Amino acid sequence: MLEKITKLQFAKTLCLVFLGSLLAFPAMAQDKPEIKIGGALRFNYNMSSWKDGQKKRGGDFGYDVFRVNAKGAYKGILMNAEYRLYSEGFGGGMLKQGWLGYNLNEQDQIQLGLTQVPFGIQQYNSHNWFFNLTYYVGLEDDHDMGFKYMHKGEKFEYQLAFFKNAEELRFGSNSEISPNRYSYDIAGRNKEVNQFNGKIIYKFGKESASRLGASVEYGGLYNLDTEEMGNHSAFAAHYELNKGKWNVKAQFITAFNNPENAAGESTDVVTMAAYGFPYQVASDFNMYTLGISRNVPVEWGPVSNLQFYNDFAWMEKKAAGFTDSYMNTTGFLISAGNVYTYIDYAAGYNHSWLGGNFVDDFAQGNPDAKWEARFNVNVGYYF
């Protein structure tokens, strides 16, 4: 009980700090409101090794997403929102992010709302259109509801955050979270609550080309059946290098989920959901990722740059009898004015979105599984 009271008091304190900061600091922006609207329209072609019908007709080409981005500023208060409209088969409409912010000075900013969780290499731990395995377990480009403080110094960057919960769309007393979401979050009979995040980056080398960092995450898992509070945690060590035309991303993650499930329900797996569908993920795992890319400037009409890359990931599951998962994506990005085209060959082993049975590939897995692959071309106009 004391722990719950302490967490509640801390959350209230963060909210008061945010509101107080808006009053304590003078407005540092224009007197007239500003609003900028942008977005993207994307189409997708793919052909998958495990879909016989698709291979016979030479793959499928169709609509991917239409998104709208809005950025606003007035009297020092910032606003940033992104809403996406996917096809019905991928969850339909969803808010990726939406937050209010304030610049305390040139180095410090606070954000309140649906904002990116400070964990691991950001903004993405990958170069390709598919992201990396980290995304599919909620540890890459995750967004939750809460408060975040960010500092960017010459040598150090750090972020501290408190998230009350993941995106909540139903607000029922005992309702499960909706799977129609952009970020992967724990779903089913457990809910992420009262999550704390901390992240620090040390920058060194010429022009701060090297970024060495560590991230930590700890929060509660509230079970709707038992009404008991479990917990989840993760730690990451990460390094990123930007040198000339090269970029390297390397990361290690260890994660633990300890739900207080009803009697007879396994605690070796948790349910996660996004894009309209839930699946199971191993509760405890290590993850190793490595990505490398190189830019090649060109002058081919509107084409100005080619970025070649390879992203690899290994998910080492800790439960006895579980089979590990792997992912490797090789491809290149074509930049031509406002048009960006990803051409990827994504291969997966025990990967829900790459040829598996979807439900438990990231959990128990299948020891008799084989590598499957998807050739994918994503064309997007960004405005």
Protein backbone atom coordinates (compact mmCIF):
# COMPACT_ATOMS: atom_id res chain seq x y z
CA MET A 1 0.00 0.00 0.00
CA LEU A 2 2.86 2.40 0.88
CA GLU A 3 4.45 1.71 -2.54
CA LYS A 4 1.18 2.54 -4.35
CA ILE A 5 0.78 5.79 -2.39
CA THR A 6 4.37 6.77 -3.16
CA LYS A 7 3.91 6.18 -6.90
CA LEU A 8 0.67 8.20 -6.90
CA GLN A 9 2.32 11.09 -5.06
CA PHE A 10 5.23 11.01 -7.54
CA ALA A 11 2.85 11.14 -10.51
CA LYS A 12 1.01 14.11 -9.00
CA THR A 13 4.32 15.86 -8.36
CA LEU A 14 5.36 15.44 -12.01
CA CYS A 15 2.08 16.97 -13.19
CA LEU A 16 2.50 19.92 -10.82
CA VAL A 17 6.07 20.45 -12.02
CA PHE A 18 4.85 20.52 -15.62
CA LEU A 19 2.05 23.00 -14.91
CA GLY A 20 4.26 25.10 -12.68
CA SER A 21 6.97 25.35 -15.28
CA LEU A 22 4.51 26.82 -17.75
CA LEU A 23 3.80 29.63 -15.30
CA ALA A 24 7.31 30.10 -13.94
CA PHE A 25 9.11 30.66 -17.22
CA PRO A 26 8.36 33.56 -19.58
CA ALA A 27 7.01 32.81 -23.01
CA MET A 28 9.86 32.39 -25.47
CA ALA A 29 7.87 32.20 -28.70
CA GLN A 30 5.97 34.36 -31.14
CA ASP A 31 2.86 36.36 -30.25
CA LYS A 32 0.92 34.84 -33.13
CA PRO A 33 -0.01 31.17 -33.26
CA GLU A 34 1.84 28.99 -35.76
CA ILE A 35 0.67 25.73 -37.25
CA LYS A 36 2.44 23.48 -39.75
CA ILE A 37 0.67 20.62 -41.49
CA GLY A 38 2.49 17.74 -43.15
CA GLY A 39 2.09 14.05 -43.69
CA ALA A 40 2.63 11.21 -46.09
CA LEU A 41 0.88 8.91 -48.53
CA ARG A 42 2.43 5.46 -48.93
CA PHE A 43 1.82 2.42 -51.11
CA ASN A 44 3.22 -1.07 -50.67
CA TYR A 45 4.14 -4.00 -52.89
CA ASN A 46 5.09 -7.33 -51.33
CA MET A 47 5.61 -10.97 -52.20
CA SER A 48 5.98 -13.51 -49.39
CA SER A 49 7.65 -16.91 -49.50
CA TRP A 50 4.94 -18.57 -47.37
CA LYS A 51 1.96 -17.34 -49.44
CA ASP A 52 1.58 -19.66 -52.45
CA GLY A 53 -1.35 -17.80 -53.96
CA GLN A 54 0.46 -14.49 -53.76
CA LYS A 55 3.55 -15.93 -55.42
CA LYS A 56 1.49 -17.36 -58.28
CA ARG A 57 0.02 -13.94 -59.07
CA GLY A 58 3.36 -12.15 -58.72
CA GLY A 59 2.74 -10.42 -55.39
CA ASP A 60 0.28 -7.71 -54.34
CA PHE A 61 0.40 -3.92 -54.62
CA GLY A 62 -1.88 -1.72 -52.55
CA TYR A 63 -2.52 1.06 -50.08
CA ASP A 64 -0.29 1.28 -46.99
CA VAL A 65 -1.06 4.43 -44.99
CA PHE A 66 -2.10 8.05 -45.17
CA ARG A 67 -0.90 10.15 -42.27
CA VAL A 68 -1.31 13.74 -41.12
CA ASN A 69 1.26 15.57 -39.01
CA ALA A 70 0.47 18.79 -37.18
CA LYS A 71 2.93 20.99 -35.29
CA GLY A 72 1.86 24.11 -33.44
CA ALA A 73 3.36 26.81 -31.23
CA TYR A 74 1.88 29.76 -29.33
CA LYS A 75 3.12 31.67 -26.30
CA GLY A 76 5.87 29.11 -25.78
CA ILE A 77 3.51 26.12 -25.74
CA LEU A 78 4.32 23.48 -28.37
CA MET A 79 2.03 20.87 -29.92
CA ASN A 80 3.01 17.83 -31.98
CA ALA A 81 0.57 15.22 -33.29
CA GLU A 82 0.55 12.46 -35.89
CA TYR A 83 -2.57 10.54 -36.92
CA ARG A 84 -2.38 7.53 -39.25
CA LEU A 85 -5.02 5.86 -41.39
CA TYR A 86 -4.02 2.29 -42.21
CA SER A 87 -6.10 -0.20 -44.15
CA GLU A 88 -8.79 -2.10 -42.25
CA GLY A 89 -6.59 -5.19 -42.12
CA PHE A 90 -3.91 -3.29 -40.18
CA GLY A 91 -6.04 -1.58 -37.55
CA GLY A 92 -7.53 1.40 -39.38
CA GLY A 93 -7.08 4.84 -37.84
CA MET A 94 -4.75 5.42 -34.90
CA LEU A 95 -2.88 8.24 -33.18
CA LYS A 96 0.85 7.56 -33.25
CA GLN A 97 1.79 10.51 -31.07
CA GLY A 98 0.22 13.66 -29.65
CA TRP A 99 1.84 15.86 -27.01
CA LEU A 100 2.11 19.35 -25.58
CA GLY A 101 5.57 20.69 -24.85
CA TYR A 102 7.55 23.60 -23.48
CA ASN A 103 11.17 24.65 -23.99
CA LEU A 104 12.58 25.62 -20.61
CA ASN A 105 15.72 26.85 -22.38
CA GLU A 106 17.82 25.88 -25.40
CA GLN A 107 18.81 22.54 -23.81
CA ASP A 108 15.76 21.43 -21.82
CA GLN A 109 12.25 20.50 -22.89
CA ILE A 110 9.22 18.93 -21.23
CA GLN A 111 6.42 17.01 -22.96
CA LEU A 112 3.00 15.85 -21.77
CA GLY A 113 0.72 13.42 -23.61
CA LEU A 114 1.26 10.51 -25.97
CA THR A 115 5.01 10.80 -26.36
CA GLN A 116 7.91 8.54 -27.34
CA VAL A 117 9.27 6.36 -24.54
CA PRO A 118 12.96 7.16 -23.91
CA PHE A 119 14.49 3.73 -24.35
CA GLY A 120 17.33 2.47 -26.53
CA ILE A 121 18.54 3.97 -29.80
CA GLN A 122 16.15 6.63 -31.05
CA GLN A 123 14.34 7.59 -33.06
CA TYR A 124 14.68 4.13 -34.61
CA ASN A 125 16.91 1.16 -33.83
CA SER A 126 16.86 0.23 -37.51
CA HIS A 127 17.23 1.58 -41.04
CA ASN A 128 14.58 -0.37 -42.97
CA TRP A 129 10.82 -0.10 -43.43
CA PHE A 130 10.10 -3.14 -41.20
CA PHE A 131 12.02 -1.76 -38.17
CA ASN A 132 13.83 -4.39 -36.07
CA LEU A 133 12.73 -7.10 -33.61
CA THR A 134 12.87 -4.48 -30.86
CA TYR A 135 9.75 -2.84 -32.32
CA TYR A 136 7.68 -6.03 -32.24
CA VAL A 137 8.15 -6.43 -28.47
CA GLY A 138 7.41 -2.79 -27.64
CA LEU A 139 11.00 -1.56 -27.27
CA GLU A 140 11.47 0.52 -30.43
CA ASP A 141 9.52 3.68 -31.30
CA ASP A 142 7.09 3.04 -28.44
CA HIS A 143 4.70 5.82 -27.39
CA ASP A 144 2.82 5.97 -24.07
CA MET A 145 0.72 8.45 -22.07
CA GLY A 146 2.73 10.47 -19.60
CA PHE A 147 5.26 13.17 -18.83
CA LYS A 148 8.85 13.46 -20.12
CA TYR A 149 11.82 15.73 -19.38
CA MET A 150 14.67 15.93 -21.92
CA HIS A 151 18.10 17.54 -21.72
CA LYS A 152 20.52 17.92 -24.64
CA GLY A 153 24.00 19.10 -23.66
CA GLU A 154 27.29 19.26 -25.50
CA LYS A 155 28.54 15.95 -24.10
CA PHE A 156 25.52 14.42 -22.38
CA GLU A 157 21.88 13.87 -23.21
CA TYR A 158 19.43 12.45 -20.71
CA GLN A 159 15.70 11.88 -20.39
CA LEU A 160 13.45 11.09 -17.43
CA ALA A 161 9.82 10.07 -17.84
CA PHE A 162 6.74 8.81 -16.03
CA PHE A 163 3.97 7.10 -18.03
CA LYS A 164 0.62 6.52 -16.37
CA ASN A 165 -0.27 3.90 -18.95
CA ALA A 166 -0.11 2.96 -22.62
CA GLU A 167 -2.64 4.48 -25.05
CA GLU A 168 -6.06 3.97 -23.47
CA LEU A 169 -8.97 3.93 -25.92
CA ARG A 170 -11.76 2.20 -23.98
CA PHE A 171 -11.64 3.58 -20.41
CA GLY A 172 -13.69 0.73 -18.95
CA SER A 173 -13.33 -0.56 -15.41
CA ASN A 174 -12.05 -3.94 -16.60
CA SER A 175 -11.69 -3.48 -20.37
CA GLU A 176 -8.66 -4.80 -22.22
CA ILE A 177 -6.64 -2.35 -24.30
CA SER A 178 -7.62 -1.97 -27.93
CA PRO A 179 -5.28 -3.68 -30.42
CA ASN A 180 -5.85 -0.84 -32.91
CA ARG A 181 -2.65 1.00 -31.99
CA TYR A 182 0.70 1.95 -33.50
CA SER A 183 2.97 0.93 -30.61
CA TYR A 184 3.21 -2.61 -29.29
CA ASP A 185 2.04 -2.73 -25.67
CA ILE A 186 1.10 -5.48 -23.23
CA ALA A 187 -2.53 -6.40 -23.81
CA GLY A 188 -5.05 -9.10 -22.91
CA ARG A 189 -5.73 -9.42 -19.18
CA ASN A 190 -2.74 -7.27 -18.15
CA LYS A 191 -2.20 -3.53 -18.47
CA GLU A 192 0.96 -1.42 -18.31
CA VAL A 193 0.67 1.20 -15.53
CA ASN A 194 2.91 3.63 -13.61
CA GLN A 195 6.01 3.17 -15.74
CA PHE A 196 9.31 4.98 -15.08
CA ASN A 197 12.01 5.48 -17.71
CA GLY A 198 15.50 6.89 -17.62
CA LYS A 199 18.04 7.21 -20.41
CA ILE A 200 21.50 8.77 -20.70
CA ILE A 201 23.76 9.32 -23.72
CA TYR A 202 27.46 10.25 -23.70
CA LYS A 203 28.67 11.83 -26.94
CA PHE A 204 32.33 11.72 -27.91
CA GLY A 205 34.68 11.76 -30.88
CA LYS A 206 34.95 14.29 -33.68
CA GLU A 207 31.66 16.17 -34.04
CA SER A 208 30.19 13.82 -31.37
CA ALA A 209 30.10 11.02 -33.94
CA SER A 210 29.85 8.33 -31.23
CA ARG A 211 26.85 8.00 -28.91
CA LEU A 212 27.18 5.56 -26.02
CA GLY A 213 24.14 5.10 -23.83
CA ALA A 214 22.11 3.15 -21.32
CA SER A 215 18.37 2.95 -20.72
CA VAL A 216 16.24 1.55 -17.92
CA GLU A 217 12.49 0.91 -17.67
CA TYR A 218 10.34 -0.25 -14.75
CA GLY A 219 6.58 -0.32 -14.36
CA GLY A 220 3.53 -2.17 -13.09
CA LEU A 221 1.39 -4.83 -14.77
CA TYR A 222 -2.17 -4.67 -13.49
CA ASN A 223 -4.11 -7.91 -13.97
CA LEU A 224 -7.83 -7.49 -14.67
CA ASP A 225 -8.75 -10.91 -13.24
CA THR A 226 -6.76 -11.03 -10.01
CA GLU A 227 -6.70 -7.23 -9.53
CA GLU A 228 -3.08 -7.67 -8.43
CA MET A 229 -0.08 -5.64 -9.54
CA GLY A 230 2.78 -7.43 -11.26
CA ASN A 231 5.75 -5.65 -12.82
CA HIS A 232 7.83 -5.37 -15.96
CA SER A 233 11.35 -4.08 -16.48
CA ALA A 234 14.02 -3.71 -19.15
CA PHE A 235 17.59 -2.52 -19.45
CA ALA A 236 19.48 -1.58 -22.61
CA ALA A 237 23.09 -0.74 -23.44
CA HIS A 238 23.48 0.91 -26.84
CA TYR A 239 26.01 2.50 -29.15
CA GLU A 240 25.55 4.49 -32.34
CA LEU A 241 28.22 5.78 -34.72
CA ASN A 242 27.74 8.42 -37.42
CA LYS A 243 30.95 8.76 -39.41
CA GLY A 244 30.87 10.26 -42.87
CA LYS A 245 28.43 8.30 -44.97
CA TRP A 246 28.30 5.40 -42.47
CA ASN A 247 25.91 4.70 -39.61
CA VAL A 248 26.17 1.81 -37.13
CA LYS A 249 23.62 0.87 -34.45
CA ALA A 250 24.41 -1.79 -31.83
CA GLN A 251 22.22 -2.66 -28.85
CA PHE A 252 21.75 -5.22 -26.07
CA ILE A 253 18.46 -5.53 -24.16
CA THR A 254 17.37 -7.71 -21.28
CA ALA A 255 13.67 -7.67 -20.39
CA PHE A 256 11.45 -9.23 -17.72
CA ASN A 257 7.67 -9.44 -17.35
CA ASN A 258 6.16 -10.74 -14.11
CA PRO A 259 2.35 -10.70 -14.37
CA GLU A 260 0.06 -11.68 -11.48
CA ASN A 261 -2.14 -13.92 -13.62
CA ALA A 262 -5.14 -15.96 -12.54
CA ALA A 263 -4.48 -19.48 -11.29
CA GLY A 264 -3.51 -21.89 -14.05
CA GLU A 265 -2.41 -19.21 -16.51
CA SER A 266 1.22 -19.29 -17.59
CA THR A 267 3.50 -16.43 -16.58
CA ASP A 268 6.09 -17.45 -19.19
CA VAL A 269 4.28 -15.40 -21.84
CA VAL A 270 2.49 -12.07 -22.10
CA THR A 271 0.07 -10.85 -24.75
CA MET A 272 1.05 -7.83 -26.85
CA ALA A 273 -0.98 -6.03 -29.50
CA ALA A 274 -0.78 -3.48 -32.32
CA TYR A 275 -2.12 -3.01 -35.86
CA GLY A 276 -5.40 -4.70 -34.95
CA PHE A 277 -4.01 -8.07 -33.78
CA PRO A 278 -2.67 -9.53 -30.50
CA TYR A 279 0.02 -12.19 -30.15
CA GLN A 280 2.13 -13.78 -27.44
CA VAL A 281 5.67 -12.77 -26.46
CA ALA A 282 8.10 -14.53 -24.13
CA SER A 283 8.01 -12.86 -20.70
CA ASP A 284 11.78 -12.90 -20.22
CA PHE A 285 14.35 -12.51 -22.98
CA ASN A 286 17.63 -11.02 -24.12
CA MET A 287 17.85 -9.26 -27.46
CA TYR A 288 20.91 -8.44 -29.56
CA THR A 289 20.69 -6.12 -32.56
CA LEU A 290 23.17 -4.74 -35.07
CA GLY A 291 22.46 -2.46 -38.00
CA ILE A 292 24.75 -0.78 -40.51
CA SER A 293 24.08 1.62 -43.38
CA ARG A 294 25.97 3.65 -45.95
CA ASN A 295 24.79 6.62 -47.98
CA VAL A 296 25.75 6.93 -51.64
CA PRO A 297 25.01 10.37 -53.11
CA VAL A 298 23.95 10.25 -56.77
CA GLU A 299 22.63 12.59 -59.45
CA TRP A 300 20.06 10.56 -61.36
CA GLY A 301 17.36 13.03 -62.25
CA PRO A 302 15.30 13.53 -59.07
CA VAL A 303 17.24 10.79 -57.22
CA SER A 304 19.81 12.36 -54.88
CA ASN A 305 20.82 9.54 -52.52
CA LEU A 306 20.87 5.77 -52.07
CA GLN A 307 21.19 4.35 -48.58
CA PHE A 308 22.21 0.68 -48.38
CA TYR A 309 21.67 -1.17 -45.10
CA ASN A 310 21.46 -4.43 -43.21
CA ASP A 311 19.67 -4.86 -39.86
CA PHE A 312 19.99 -8.04 -37.77
CA ALA A 313 18.34 -9.14 -34.51
CA TRP A 314 18.37 -12.20 -32.26
CA MET A 315 15.77 -12.74 -29.52
CA GLU A 316 17.13 -15.16 -26.91
CA LYS A 317 14.19 -16.49 -24.87
CA LYS A 318 14.84 -17.56 -21.28
CA ALA A 319 11.97 -20.01 -20.65
CA ALA A 320 12.87 -23.68 -20.98
CA GLY A 321 11.70 -25.24 -24.25
CA PHE A 322 11.20 -21.92 -26.06
CA THR A 323 12.81 -21.51 -29.50
CA ASP A 324 14.64 -18.27 -30.25
CA SER A 325 13.52 -15.77 -32.89
CA TYR A 326 15.65 -14.04 -35.55
CA MET A 327 15.22 -11.30 -38.11
CA ASN A 328 17.47 -9.94 -40.86
CA THR A 329 16.58 -7.22 -43.35
CA THR A 330 18.75 -6.22 -46.30
CA GLY A 331 17.77 -3.35 -48.54
CA PHE A 332 18.19 0.21 -49.70
CA LEU A 333 16.35 3.52 -49.52
CA ILE A 334 15.97 5.72 -52.62
CA SER A 335 15.58 9.47 -51.95
CA ALA A 336 14.06 11.47 -54.78
CA GLY A 337 12.77 14.85 -53.70
CA ASN A 338 9.74 14.22 -51.47
CA VAL A 339 9.49 10.59 -52.55
CA TYR A 340 11.21 7.92 -50.45
CA THR A 341 11.24 4.29 -51.58
CA TYR A 342 12.31 1.39 -49.35
CA ILE A 343 13.26 -1.82 -51.17
CA ASP A 344 13.69 -4.60 -48.58
CA TYR A 345 14.28 -8.32 -48.38
CA ALA A 346 13.17 -9.21 -44.85
CA ALA A 347 13.81 -12.72 -43.52
CA GLY A 348 12.49 -14.13 -40.26
CA TYR A 349 12.77 -17.27 -38.16
CA ASN A 350 9.94 -17.73 -35.65
CA HIS A 351 8.76 -14.24 -36.56
CA SER A 352 5.01 -13.52 -36.38
CA TRP A 353 5.00 -11.11 -39.33
CA LEU A 354 7.39 -13.16 -41.46
CA GLY A 355 5.92 -16.55 -42.18
CA GLY A 356 5.11 -17.93 -38.77
CA ASN A 357 1.80 -18.97 -37.26
CA PHE A 358 1.59 -15.43 -35.82
CA VAL A 359 0.14 -16.34 -32.40
CA ASP A 360 3.19 -17.60 -30.50
CA ASP A 361 6.28 -17.19 -32.70
CA PHE A 362 7.74 -14.62 -30.29
CA ALA A 363 6.81 -16.89 -27.36
CA GLN A 364 7.19 -20.69 -27.52
CA GLY A 365 8.15 -20.64 -31.17
CA ASN A 366 8.54 -23.73 -33.33
CA PRO A 367 11.78 -25.76 -33.27
CA ASP A 368 10.91 -27.10 -36.74
CA ALA A 369 10.36 -23.64 -38.22
CA LYS A 370 12.27 -22.56 -41.29
CA TRP A 371 13.39 -19.16 -42.47
CA GLU A 372 10.76 -17.30 -44.46
CA ALA A 373 11.18 -14.05 -46.37
CA ARG A 374 9.20 -11.17 -47.79
CA PHE A 375 10.29 -8.95 -50.68
CA ASN A 376 8.81 -5.53 -50.03
CA VAL A 377 8.74 -2.19 -51.83
CA ASN A 378 7.26 0.80 -50.01
CA VAL A 379 6.80 4.07 -51.93
CA GLY A 380 5.90 7.18 -49.97
CA TYR A 381 5.35 10.84 -50.80
CA TYR A 382 6.12 12.98 -47.73
CA PHE A 383 4.82 16.53 -47.55
